[in-house]
Amino acid sequence: MNLTLTEDQREFQKLARSFLDATAVPHRTQWDRDEEVDPAIIPQMGEIGFFGITIPEEYGGLGGDFITYCVGLEELGRVDSSLRGIVSVSAGLVGKTLLAHGTEQQKQRWLPGIASGTQVGCFGLTEPDNGSDPAGLKTRARREGAEWVINGSKIFITNATIADVALVFARTGGAGARGLSAFLVPTDTPGFERSLIHGKLGLRGQATAEMSFSEVRVPADALVGEEGKGFKYAMQTLDKGRVSVAAGCVGIVQGCLEASVAYAKERQQFGKPIASYQLVQDMIAEISVDADAARLLTWRAAALVDCGEPFGTAASKAKLFASEAAVKAANLAIQVFGGYGYIDEYPVQKYMRDARVMTLYEGTSQIQKLLIGRAETGISAF
């Protein structure tokens, strides 16, 4: 398994970094304060290729590989994890579910817009009473003639207020995982309401919202794949989503490393740069090692995806390590910066706030440990 980048991947990395340094870095602090990124950057990211990397050319994408996708998400995480979330939910969770299970009509309708960044998708799984236990969700869809009628609510849904389409998971059968199905619901459908969540600790520029469905009617062909297979589809997609989150976390760690090194070489105390002090170098070394370790775990999982090999456990390992490493790196970076790390003149406090949720969504660190433990022992603890 080759875990070094090709020339094409390195060129994309350079292009992505140059674009983000010019268009996002100067504005990320204000976006964070405003709790909204400039929506104009979304189609610009589409032009660069962030959304379309793994979408086939026949649907408007680049037909690229998963490692290149992870390289792009790392660069987004290095600059602003809110941008990473927009891409990984729309192109990742929604786009990849459509590619794997959608009809040709569904793919032709939505994938070109998602690939270009001119249309955005959101992933409607989490509910107020069901996070780590999605098999227990309560949103329901009933069949009435040639339509499905959806009622229920979702929470903590990334992209919800800017999305053109929602991939909604609802109960169409009895209790448990086998009773769930997936539906494509245009967000302008009558009865579909969205409410933005304000006051988040991190990812403040990313639209996160509640969604509610009151007698929302969609045609029969809004069903994605087979009825009753929604839970299976969601879990398959979330495995890849965990690799995406891990890649974004690698970007946070890398951003902490670059910011800490630059500041430590510039900041003078006791007549010399603080980079010359052993304990400062100790903190920088820890961040550096974790950046490499998290990156290699993530690339290994991505390489397994590209090879068509089982990758679920590798994805859990990458997500667990990289998300915890991101929190640790941000904490160390604030320590390097001292008091200046506590204000938003510098990016490290934002890295800390953005990193914290990475250990929670798309499977908490505790869930990842249970998945890894099950893979090692063959015994399920939940």
Protein backbone atom coordinates (compact mmCIF):
# COMPACT_ATOMS: atom_id res chain seq x y z
CA MET A 1 0.00 0.00 0.00
CA ASN A 2 1.54 3.28 -1.14
CA LEU A 3 1.11 6.05 1.45
CA THR A 4 2.96 8.79 -0.40
CA LEU A 5 1.25 11.39 -2.57
CA THR A 6 1.43 11.30 -6.33
CA GLU A 7 2.48 14.36 -8.30
CA ASP A 8 -1.16 15.08 -9.21
CA GLN A 9 -2.16 14.88 -5.54
CA ARG A 10 0.62 17.25 -4.56
CA GLU A 11 -0.45 19.69 -7.25
CA PHE A 12 -4.01 19.65 -5.95
CA GLN A 13 -2.71 20.17 -2.42
CA LYS A 14 -0.77 23.25 -3.56
CA LEU A 15 -3.77 24.59 -5.47
CA ALA A 16 -6.09 24.06 -2.50
CA ARG A 17 -3.69 25.71 -0.06
CA SER A 18 -3.08 28.70 -2.31
CA PHE A 19 -6.83 29.21 -2.86
CA LEU A 20 -7.73 28.95 0.83
CA ASP A 21 -4.87 31.16 2.02
CA ALA A 22 -6.09 33.86 -0.37
CA THR A 23 -9.87 33.54 0.00
CA ALA A 24 -10.56 32.10 3.47
CA VAL A 25 -7.70 32.92 5.86
CA PRO A 26 -8.28 36.72 5.68
CA HIS A 27 -11.97 36.27 6.56
CA ARG A 28 -12.19 33.27 8.91
CA THR A 29 -12.09 35.36 12.10
CA GLN A 30 -14.97 37.54 10.93
CA TRP A 31 -16.93 34.52 9.74
CA ASP A 32 -16.47 33.01 13.17
CA ARG A 33 -17.72 36.20 14.85
CA ASP A 34 -20.66 36.49 12.43
CA GLU A 35 -21.51 32.77 12.75
CA GLU A 36 -21.67 32.50 8.97
CA VAL A 37 -19.19 31.94 6.17
CA ASP A 38 -19.64 34.00 3.04
CA PRO A 39 -21.87 31.75 0.88
CA ALA A 40 -20.07 33.04 -2.23
CA ILE A 41 -17.10 30.85 -1.35
CA ILE A 42 -19.11 27.63 -1.79
CA PRO A 43 -19.30 27.67 -5.62
CA GLN A 44 -15.71 28.96 -5.67
CA MET A 45 -14.68 25.84 -3.77
CA GLY A 46 -16.65 23.90 -6.35
CA GLU A 47 -14.59 25.42 -9.14
CA ILE A 48 -11.38 24.34 -7.40
CA GLY A 49 -12.78 20.80 -7.17
CA PHE A 50 -13.34 20.29 -3.43
CA PHE A 51 -16.89 18.99 -3.91
CA GLY A 52 -16.37 16.93 -7.03
CA ILE A 53 -13.15 15.04 -6.33
CA THR A 54 -14.72 11.60 -5.89
CA ILE A 55 -17.84 12.16 -8.01
CA PRO A 56 -17.51 10.54 -11.48
CA GLU A 57 -17.04 12.77 -14.50
CA GLU A 58 -20.38 11.66 -15.97
CA TYR A 59 -22.06 13.47 -13.06
CA GLY A 60 -19.94 16.61 -13.26
CA GLY A 61 -17.17 15.53 -10.90
CA LEU A 62 -13.46 14.86 -11.30
CA GLY A 63 -13.55 11.10 -10.87
CA GLY A 64 -10.65 11.25 -8.42
CA ASP A 65 -9.57 9.04 -5.55
CA PHE A 66 -10.33 9.14 -1.84
CA ILE A 67 -6.80 10.07 -0.78
CA THR A 68 -6.99 13.22 -2.91
CA TYR A 69 -10.34 13.96 -1.28
CA CYS A 70 -8.71 13.62 2.14
CA VAL A 71 -5.88 15.93 1.06
CA GLY A 72 -8.46 18.57 0.20
CA LEU A 73 -10.30 18.13 3.49
CA GLU A 74 -7.03 18.43 5.41
CA GLU A 75 -6.36 21.79 3.78
CA LEU A 76 -9.90 22.91 4.63
CA GLY A 77 -9.44 21.80 8.24
CA ARG A 78 -6.13 23.64 8.42
CA VAL A 79 -7.86 26.89 7.53
CA ASP A 80 -11.48 26.66 8.74
CA SER A 81 -13.28 23.48 9.78
CA SER A 82 -16.61 25.12 8.97
CA LEU A 83 -15.68 24.92 5.29
CA ARG A 84 -14.59 21.32 5.71
CA GLY A 85 -17.98 20.44 7.18
CA ILE A 86 -19.87 21.98 4.26
CA VAL A 87 -17.90 19.85 1.80
CA SER A 88 -17.80 16.57 3.68
CA VAL A 89 -21.55 16.58 4.37
CA SER A 90 -22.72 17.68 0.92
CA ALA A 91 -20.24 15.81 -1.26
CA GLY A 92 -19.43 13.11 1.26
CA LEU A 93 -22.47 11.97 3.21
CA VAL A 94 -25.10 12.97 0.65
CA GLY A 95 -23.11 12.58 -2.56
CA LYS A 96 -21.64 9.19 -1.67
CA THR A 97 -25.02 7.81 -0.57
CA LEU A 98 -26.48 8.84 -3.90
CA LEU A 99 -23.60 7.31 -5.82
CA ALA A 100 -23.91 4.03 -3.98
CA HIS A 101 -27.68 3.65 -3.77
CA GLY A 102 -29.46 6.31 -5.83
CA THR A 103 -31.31 5.76 -9.07
CA GLU A 104 -29.88 7.12 -12.29
CA GLN A 105 -32.56 9.81 -12.27
CA GLN A 106 -31.62 10.83 -8.72
CA LYS A 107 -27.92 10.98 -9.62
CA GLN A 108 -28.55 13.08 -12.72
CA ARG A 109 -30.83 15.41 -10.77
CA TRP A 110 -28.54 16.18 -7.82
CA LEU A 111 -24.92 15.13 -8.31
CA PRO A 112 -23.86 17.74 -10.93
CA GLY A 113 -25.01 20.57 -8.66
CA ILE A 114 -23.34 19.03 -5.63
CA ALA A 115 -20.09 18.49 -7.57
CA SER A 116 -20.01 22.13 -8.70
CA GLY A 117 -20.97 23.58 -5.33
CA THR A 118 -23.99 25.28 -6.91
CA GLN A 119 -26.29 22.99 -4.92
CA VAL A 120 -25.78 21.78 -1.36
CA GLY A 121 -27.02 18.71 0.45
CA CYS A 122 -27.58 17.92 4.13
CA PHE A 123 -27.77 14.59 5.96
CA GLY A 124 -30.86 14.24 8.14
CA LEU A 125 -30.12 11.45 10.61
CA THR A 126 -29.62 12.80 14.17
CA GLU A 127 -32.72 13.53 16.23
CA PRO A 128 -33.28 15.23 19.61
CA ASP A 129 -33.57 11.85 21.35
CA ASN A 130 -31.31 9.77 19.10
CA GLY A 131 -27.64 10.48 18.44
CA SER A 132 -25.42 7.46 19.07
CA ASP A 133 -28.50 5.20 18.63
CA PRO A 134 -29.83 6.09 15.17
CA ALA A 135 -31.73 2.80 14.96
CA GLY A 136 -34.16 4.30 17.47
CA LEU A 137 -35.08 7.39 15.46
CA LYS A 138 -38.71 8.52 15.54
CA THR A 139 -39.25 10.49 12.33
CA ARG A 140 -41.80 8.51 10.30
CA ALA A 141 -42.75 8.21 6.63
CA ARG A 142 -46.01 6.59 5.57
CA ARG A 143 -47.03 5.62 2.08
CA GLU A 144 -50.14 7.24 0.62
CA GLY A 145 -50.71 6.23 -2.96
CA ALA A 146 -47.92 7.64 -5.12
CA GLU A 147 -46.44 9.68 -2.26
CA TRP A 148 -44.54 9.34 0.99
CA VAL A 149 -45.66 11.58 3.86
CA ILE A 150 -42.95 12.49 6.41
CA ASN A 151 -43.42 13.73 9.97
CA GLY A 152 -40.80 14.30 12.65
CA SER A 153 -37.73 16.36 13.49
CA LYS A 154 -33.93 16.36 13.24
CA ILE A 155 -31.26 18.30 15.11
CA PHE A 156 -27.61 19.34 14.70
CA ILE A 157 -27.90 19.05 10.92
CA THR A 158 -24.95 20.58 9.08
CA ASN A 159 -25.85 22.67 5.99
CA ALA A 160 -29.57 22.46 6.77
CA THR A 161 -30.36 26.16 6.24
CA ILE A 162 -28.30 26.44 3.04
CA ALA A 163 -29.17 23.04 1.55
CA ASP A 164 -31.18 22.50 -1.60
CA VAL A 165 -31.87 18.87 -0.76
CA ALA A 166 -31.99 16.86 2.46
CA LEU A 167 -31.25 13.16 2.67
CA VAL A 168 -33.76 12.25 5.37
CA PHE A 169 -33.87 8.99 7.30
CA ALA A 170 -37.32 8.01 8.51
CA ARG A 171 -39.10 5.00 9.92
CA THR A 172 -41.23 3.17 7.34
CA GLY A 173 -41.55 -0.10 9.25
CA GLY A 174 -41.36 -1.49 12.75
CA ALA A 175 -38.91 -0.78 15.54
CA GLY A 176 -35.17 -1.11 15.11
CA ALA A 177 -32.68 -0.71 12.31
CA ARG A 178 -34.65 -2.70 9.71
CA GLY A 179 -37.54 -0.27 9.85
CA LEU A 180 -35.64 2.74 8.45
CA SER A 181 -35.58 4.14 4.92
CA ALA A 182 -33.88 7.09 3.19
CA PHE A 183 -35.55 9.85 1.18
CA LEU A 184 -34.43 12.81 -0.92
CA VAL A 185 -36.46 15.83 0.16
CA PRO A 186 -36.04 19.19 -1.63
CA THR A 187 -35.84 21.83 1.08
CA ASP A 188 -38.53 23.99 -0.53
CA THR A 189 -41.13 21.25 -0.03
CA PRO A 190 -44.22 22.52 1.87
CA GLY A 191 -44.19 21.51 5.53
CA PHE A 192 -40.39 21.36 5.72
CA GLU A 193 -39.06 23.95 8.21
CA ARG A 194 -35.49 24.80 9.26
CA SER A 195 -34.25 26.73 12.29
CA LEU A 196 -30.63 27.82 12.67
CA ILE A 197 -28.83 26.94 15.92
CA HIS A 198 -26.86 29.89 17.33
CA GLY A 199 -24.25 30.10 20.05
CA LYS A 200 -22.14 27.06 19.18
CA LEU A 201 -18.75 26.66 20.83
CA GLY A 202 -17.03 25.96 17.51
CA LEU A 203 -17.75 25.50 13.80
CA ARG A 204 -19.51 28.82 14.14
CA GLY A 205 -19.35 29.67 10.45
CA GLN A 206 -21.01 26.41 9.48
CA ALA A 207 -24.80 26.36 9.26
CA THR A 208 -26.14 23.92 11.87
CA ALA A 209 -29.88 23.67 12.30
CA GLU A 210 -32.97 21.86 13.46
CA MET A 211 -35.32 20.49 10.81
CA SER A 212 -39.00 19.69 11.22
CA PHE A 213 -41.40 17.82 8.93
CA SER A 214 -45.13 18.31 9.12
CA GLU A 215 -47.02 16.23 6.55
CA VAL A 216 -44.15 16.69 4.08
CA ARG A 217 -45.15 14.97 0.84
CA VAL A 218 -42.60 13.61 -1.62
CA PRO A 219 -43.15 11.37 -4.64
CA ALA A 220 -42.58 7.64 -4.43
CA ASP A 221 -39.35 7.97 -6.40
CA ALA A 222 -37.86 10.10 -3.59
CA LEU A 223 -37.01 6.80 -1.85
CA VAL A 224 -33.26 6.11 -2.03
CA GLY A 225 -32.45 2.47 -2.65
CA GLU A 226 -34.68 -0.12 -1.05
CA GLU A 227 -37.29 0.42 1.62
CA GLY A 228 -36.00 -0.73 5.01
CA LYS A 229 -32.32 -0.39 4.08
CA GLY A 230 -31.84 3.16 5.35
CA PHE A 231 -29.91 2.21 8.47
CA LYS A 232 -27.48 0.11 6.44
CA TYR A 233 -26.96 2.96 3.97
CA ALA A 234 -26.37 5.47 6.76
CA MET A 235 -23.79 3.28 8.49
CA GLN A 236 -21.93 2.60 5.24
CA THR A 237 -21.81 6.30 4.47
CA LEU A 238 -20.75 7.24 7.99
CA ASP A 239 -17.77 4.87 7.74
CA LYS A 240 -16.45 7.02 4.89
CA GLY A 241 -17.57 10.13 6.73
CA ARG A 242 -15.32 9.18 9.63
CA VAL A 243 -12.35 9.15 7.29
CA SER A 244 -13.41 12.62 6.14
CA VAL A 245 -13.64 13.91 9.72
CA ALA A 246 -10.23 12.40 10.45
CA ALA A 247 -8.76 14.22 7.45
CA GLY A 248 -10.19 17.51 8.68
CA CYS A 249 -8.72 16.83 12.12
CA VAL A 250 -5.32 16.25 10.55
CA GLY A 251 -5.72 19.74 9.10
CA ILE A 252 -6.42 21.16 12.56
CA VAL A 253 -3.30 19.49 13.95
CA GLN A 254 -1.24 20.75 11.02
CA GLY A 255 -2.62 24.25 11.46
CA CYS A 256 -1.71 24.16 15.15
CA LEU A 257 1.80 23.02 14.27
CA GLU A 258 2.39 25.73 11.67
CA ALA A 259 0.96 28.48 13.88
CA SER A 260 2.97 27.33 16.91
CA VAL A 261 6.25 27.12 15.02
CA ALA A 262 5.81 30.54 13.43
CA TYR A 263 4.86 32.19 16.74
CA ALA A 264 7.60 30.47 18.76
CA LYS A 265 10.27 31.67 16.33
CA GLU A 266 8.93 35.23 16.43
CA ARG A 267 8.00 35.67 20.10
CA GLN A 268 10.87 36.91 22.29
CA GLN A 269 11.15 36.28 26.03
CA PHE A 270 14.24 36.73 28.20
CA GLY A 271 16.11 38.06 25.20
CA LYS A 272 15.61 35.16 22.77
CA PRO A 273 12.86 33.40 20.79
CA ILE A 274 10.71 31.09 22.87
CA ALA A 275 11.42 28.39 20.27
CA SER A 276 14.87 28.10 21.87
CA TYR A 277 13.40 26.81 25.13
CA GLN A 278 13.25 23.06 25.65
CA LEU A 279 9.71 22.86 27.01
CA VAL A 280 8.33 24.86 24.07
CA GLN A 281 10.09 22.49 21.68
CA ASP A 282 8.62 19.59 23.66
CA MET A 283 5.08 20.84 22.94
CA ILE A 284 5.84 21.47 19.28
CA ALA A 285 7.37 18.00 18.94
CA GLU A 286 4.23 16.39 20.37
CA ILE A 287 2.04 18.22 17.86
CA SER A 288 4.37 17.25 15.01
CA VAL A 289 4.38 13.54 15.88
CA ASP A 290 0.60 13.46 16.24
CA ALA A 291 0.18 15.22 12.87
CA ASP A 292 2.17 12.48 11.13
CA ALA A 293 0.48 9.65 13.01
CA ALA A 294 -3.04 11.00 12.38
CA ARG A 295 -2.26 11.62 8.71
CA LEU A 296 -0.93 8.11 8.15
CA LEU A 297 -3.91 6.49 9.88
CA THR A 298 -6.23 8.59 7.72
CA TRP A 299 -4.40 7.86 4.48
CA ARG A 300 -4.37 4.15 5.30
CA ALA A 301 -8.16 4.17 5.68
CA ALA A 302 -8.52 6.22 2.48
CA ALA A 303 -6.22 3.82 0.60
CA LEU A 304 -8.41 0.90 1.70
CA VAL A 305 -11.44 2.75 0.31
CA ASP A 306 -9.63 3.26 -3.01
CA CYS A 307 -8.61 -0.41 -3.12
CA GLY A 308 -12.13 -1.63 -2.43
CA GLU A 309 -10.99 -3.34 0.77
CA PRO A 310 -12.89 -3.36 4.10
CA PHE A 311 -12.12 -0.08 5.85
CA GLY A 312 -14.64 0.35 8.68
CA THR A 313 -12.29 -0.44 11.55
CA ALA A 314 -9.48 1.58 9.97
CA ALA A 315 -11.90 4.51 9.66
CA SER A 316 -12.80 4.24 13.35
CA LYS A 317 -9.12 4.16 14.34
CA ALA A 318 -8.34 7.18 12.18
CA LYS A 319 -11.32 9.16 13.44
CA LEU A 320 -10.64 8.29 17.09
CA PHE A 321 -6.95 9.15 17.01
CA ALA A 322 -7.15 12.21 14.78
CA SER A 323 -10.05 13.85 16.65
CA GLU A 324 -8.43 13.36 20.04
CA ALA A 325 -5.09 14.53 18.60
CA ALA A 326 -6.76 17.70 17.28
CA VAL A 327 -8.02 18.61 20.76
CA LYS A 328 -4.60 17.88 22.25
CA ALA A 329 -2.76 19.86 19.55
CA ALA A 330 -5.02 22.89 19.99
CA ASN A 331 -4.51 22.80 23.74
CA LEU A 332 -0.74 22.65 23.33
CA ALA A 333 -0.80 25.42 20.72
CA ILE A 334 -2.67 27.73 23.10
CA GLN A 335 0.00 26.96 25.70
CA VAL A 336 2.73 27.94 23.24
CA PHE A 337 0.96 31.21 22.50
CA GLY A 338 0.28 31.96 26.16
CA GLY A 339 -2.25 34.71 26.76
CA TYR A 340 -2.35 35.63 23.07
CA GLY A 341 -3.66 32.16 22.30
CA TYR A 342 -6.81 32.98 24.23
CA ILE A 343 -7.99 35.76 21.91
CA ASP A 344 -9.16 35.54 18.32
CA GLU A 345 -6.36 37.70 16.95
CA TYR A 346 -4.62 34.35 16.50
CA PRO A 347 -6.18 31.13 15.13
CA VAL A 348 -5.31 28.64 17.86
CA GLN A 349 -8.32 29.37 20.08
CA LYS A 350 -10.54 28.72 17.05
CA TYR A 351 -8.75 25.43 16.44
CA MET A 352 -9.57 24.44 20.01
CA ARG A 353 -13.25 25.31 19.68
CA ASP A 354 -13.56 23.64 16.29
CA ALA A 355 -11.67 20.53 17.38
CA ARG A 356 -13.82 19.78 20.39
CA VAL A 357 -16.89 18.66 18.45
CA MET A 358 -14.81 16.29 16.31
CA THR A 359 -14.76 13.80 19.20
CA LEU A 360 -18.58 13.87 19.22
CA TYR A 361 -20.16 13.80 15.79
CA GLU A 362 -20.21 10.97 13.25
CA GLY A 363 -19.64 8.64 16.18
CA THR A 364 -18.22 9.72 19.53
CA SER A 365 -14.76 8.62 20.64
CA GLN A 366 -16.48 6.11 22.92
CA ILE A 367 -18.47 4.64 20.03
CA GLN A 368 -15.27 4.34 17.96
CA LYS A 369 -13.63 2.40 20.81
CA LEU A 370 -16.59 0.02 20.94
CA LEU A 371 -16.41 -0.52 17.18
CA ILE A 372 -12.68 -1.20 17.37
CA GLY A 373 -13.19 -3.47 20.38
CA ARG A 374 -15.88 -5.43 18.54
CA ALA A 375 -13.57 -5.86 15.56
CA GLU A 376 -10.78 -7.18 17.80
CA THR A 377 -12.86 -9.49 19.99
CA GLY A 378 -15.79 -10.43 17.80
CA ILE A 379 -18.10 -9.47 20.66
CA SER A 380 -20.46 -6.50 20.53
CA ALA A 381 -20.62 -4.34 23.64
CA PHE A 382 -23.72 -2.46 22.44
